[in-house]
């Protein structure tokens, strides 16, 4: 860089590798998130031609609902366990995320406004797929607790 000609050959190589790595991660995340959506909405069936691919964390097909469907019960309890008394996570731990000045009982990103869901009438549960790949969070709550989409 001392000659005023810009980046050195090593720096240009590093920038190229970073760009290639970013593009590869984006493509892997795109494919992995869509595979997760297909598995989550197993009963809907996915058509690669008719159904648009979804960006990581932003579902374009299947049932979706606002993240506020999983709003926590902050006003009802002062203990962490009381924030999400009816929400169960497949991981065994319910994550609480702050979204738009509210708390949501699911691990979502700040930019995620819609989350995929599916209702299991037989079990009386609504299942949700929250977050971005590779940090997807699957939670459920009783259909009686559902705020939106019923």
Protein backbone atom coordinates (compact mmCIF):
# COMPACT_ATOMS: atom_id res chain seq x y z
CA UNK A 1 0.00 0.00 0.00
CA UNK A 2 2.99 2.29 0.37
CA UNK A 3 3.18 2.94 -3.40
CA UNK A 4 -0.34 4.42 -3.51
CA UNK A 5 -1.63 1.76 -5.95
CA UNK A 6 -4.32 0.33 -3.64
CA UNK A 7 -4.45 -3.11 -2.11
CA UNK A 8 -1.52 -5.46 -2.25
CA UNK A 9 -1.86 -8.78 -4.06
CA UNK A 10 -2.27 -10.59 -0.71
CA UNK A 11 -4.97 -8.15 0.40
CA UNK A 12 -6.86 -8.56 -2.88
CA UNK A 13 -6.74 -12.32 -2.46
CA UNK A 14 -8.08 -12.03 1.09
CA UNK A 15 -10.94 -9.78 -0.08
CA UNK A 16 -11.82 -12.25 -2.85
CA UNK A 17 -11.81 -15.15 -0.40
CA UNK A 18 -14.05 -13.22 1.99
CA UNK A 19 -16.51 -12.43 -0.80
CA UNK A 20 -16.56 -16.05 -1.99
CA UNK A 21 -17.05 -17.22 1.60
CA UNK A 22 -19.94 -14.79 2.12
CA UNK A 23 -21.67 -15.87 -1.11
CA UNK A 24 -21.20 -19.56 -0.24
CA UNK A 25 -22.62 -19.06 3.26
CA UNK A 26 -25.60 -17.15 1.84
CA UNK A 27 -26.31 -19.94 -0.66
CA UNK A 28 -25.93 -22.69 1.95
CA UNK A 29 -28.21 -20.78 4.35
CA UNK A 30 -30.78 -20.27 1.57
CA UNK A 31 -30.87 -23.97 0.74
CA UNK A 32 -30.77 -25.13 4.38
CA UNK A 33 -33.57 -22.77 5.46
CA UNK A 34 -35.78 -23.91 2.57
CA UNK A 35 -35.11 -27.56 3.39
CA UNK A 36 -36.10 -26.78 7.00
CA UNK A 37 -39.32 -25.12 5.76
CA UNK A 38 -40.16 -28.11 3.57
CA UNK A 39 -39.63 -30.47 6.52
CA UNK A 40 -41.63 -28.20 8.85
CA UNK A 41 -44.56 -27.95 6.40
CA UNK A 42 -44.31 -31.64 5.50
CA UNK A 43 -48.03 -31.95 4.81
CA UNK A 44 -48.20 -28.99 2.37
CA UNK A 45 -45.79 -30.26 -0.24
CA UNK A 46 -43.31 -27.94 -1.92
CA UNK A 47 -43.15 -27.29 -5.65
CA UNK A 48 -39.79 -25.85 -6.71
CA UNK A 49 -41.38 -24.28 -9.81
CA UNK A 50 -44.58 -22.85 -8.26
CA UNK A 51 -43.34 -21.95 -4.77
CA UNK A 52 -40.74 -19.18 -4.38
CA UNK A 53 -37.59 -19.85 -2.40
CA UNK A 54 -37.51 -18.11 0.96
CA UNK A 55 -34.62 -15.98 2.14
CA UNK A 56 -33.13 -17.25 5.39
CA UNK A 57 -35.62 -16.42 8.16
CA UNK A 58 -38.25 -14.93 5.83
CA UNK A 59 -40.87 -17.51 4.81
CA UNK A 60 -42.49 -17.00 1.37
CA UNK A 61 -44.82 -19.99 1.34
CA UNK A 62 -46.85 -22.02 3.79
CA UNK A 63 -48.69 -20.61 6.79
CA UNK A 64 -47.05 -17.62 8.49
CA UNK A 65 -48.09 -15.49 11.44
CA UNK A 66 -46.68 -12.44 13.20
CA UNK A 67 -44.02 -13.16 15.82
CA UNK A 68 -46.32 -11.45 18.33
CA UNK A 69 -48.42 -14.64 18.33
CA UNK A 70 -45.74 -15.78 20.78
CA UNK A 71 -45.75 -12.60 22.87
CA UNK A 72 -44.67 -13.26 26.44
CA UNK A 73 -46.82 -12.77 29.51
CA UNK A 74 -44.43 -10.20 31.01
CA UNK A 75 -47.15 -8.46 33.02
CA UNK A 76 -48.23 -11.68 34.74
CA UNK A 77 -44.97 -12.72 36.35
CA UNK A 78 -41.77 -11.26 37.69
CA UNK A 79 -39.86 -14.53 37.24
CA UNK A 80 -38.17 -15.64 34.03
CA UNK A 81 -40.08 -18.93 34.06
CA UNK A 82 -43.36 -17.03 34.15
CA UNK A 83 -42.72 -15.11 30.92
CA UNK A 84 -43.70 -18.04 28.69
CA UNK A 85 -45.65 -20.51 30.84
CA UNK A 86 -47.45 -22.28 27.97
CA UNK A 87 -44.65 -22.32 25.38
CA UNK A 88 -42.52 -25.44 24.97
CA UNK A 89 -39.30 -25.62 22.95
CA UNK A 90 -37.95 -28.75 21.26
CA UNK A 91 -34.52 -27.77 22.60
CA UNK A 92 -35.86 -27.86 26.17
CA UNK A 93 -35.21 -24.15 26.72
CA UNK A 94 -37.56 -21.34 25.74
CA UNK A 95 -35.63 -18.31 24.49
CA UNK A 96 -37.11 -14.85 25.02
CA UNK A 97 -36.33 -12.20 22.39
CA UNK A 98 -37.11 -8.47 22.43
CA UNK A 99 -38.96 -7.41 19.27
CA UNK A 100 -40.49 -3.95 18.73
CA UNK A 101 -40.55 -3.12 22.46
CA UNK A 102 -42.23 -6.44 23.24
CA UNK A 103 -40.94 -9.82 24.33
CA UNK A 104 -41.47 -12.93 22.22
CA UNK A 105 -41.18 -16.53 23.47
CA UNK A 106 -39.00 -17.71 20.61
CA UNK A 107 -35.49 -17.08 19.30
CA UNK A 108 -36.17 -14.64 16.45
CA UNK A 109 -34.04 -11.96 14.88
CA UNK A 110 -34.84 -8.25 15.04
CA UNK A 111 -35.80 -8.26 11.35
CA UNK A 112 -38.02 -11.33 11.50
CA UNK A 113 -41.66 -10.23 11.59
CA UNK A 114 -43.36 -13.42 10.32
CA UNK A 115 -42.75 -17.01 11.39
CA UNK A 116 -44.00 -20.24 9.84
CA UNK A 117 -46.56 -22.20 11.83
CA UNK A 118 -48.65 -25.33 11.55
CA UNK A 119 -51.60 -26.36 13.67
CA UNK A 120 -51.95 -29.86 15.08
CA UNK A 121 -55.67 -30.07 15.90
CA UNK A 122 -55.29 -33.61 17.24
CA UNK A 123 -52.69 -32.60 19.83
CA UNK A 124 -54.24 -29.16 20.35
CA UNK A 125 -50.94 -27.38 19.57
CA UNK A 126 -49.60 -24.76 17.21
CA UNK A 127 -45.98 -25.37 16.16
CA UNK A 128 -43.67 -22.53 15.09
CA UNK A 129 -40.31 -22.40 13.27
CA UNK A 130 -38.46 -19.32 14.50
CA UNK A 131 -35.15 -17.73 13.67
CA UNK A 132 -32.54 -17.96 10.97
CA UNK A 133 -30.51 -20.97 9.84
CA UNK A 134 -28.33 -22.31 11.48
CA UNK A 135 -30.02 -21.11 14.71
CA UNK A 136 -33.60 -22.30 14.11
CA UNK A 137 -35.87 -22.60 17.14
CA UNK A 138 -38.94 -24.87 17.13
CA UNK A 139 -41.54 -24.10 19.77
CA UNK A 140 -45.21 -24.88 20.35
CA UNK A 141 -48.08 -23.59 22.43
CA UNK A 142 -51.66 -24.75 23.03
CA UNK A 143 -54.14 -23.68 20.35
CA UNK A 144 -56.19 -22.05 23.12
CA UNK A 145 -53.31 -19.58 23.69
CA UNK A 146 -53.01 -18.55 20.01
CA UNK A 147 -53.53 -14.82 19.49
CA UNK A 148 -53.54 -14.60 15.66
CA UNK A 149 -54.60 -16.72 12.70
CA UNK A 150 -57.51 -18.68 14.23
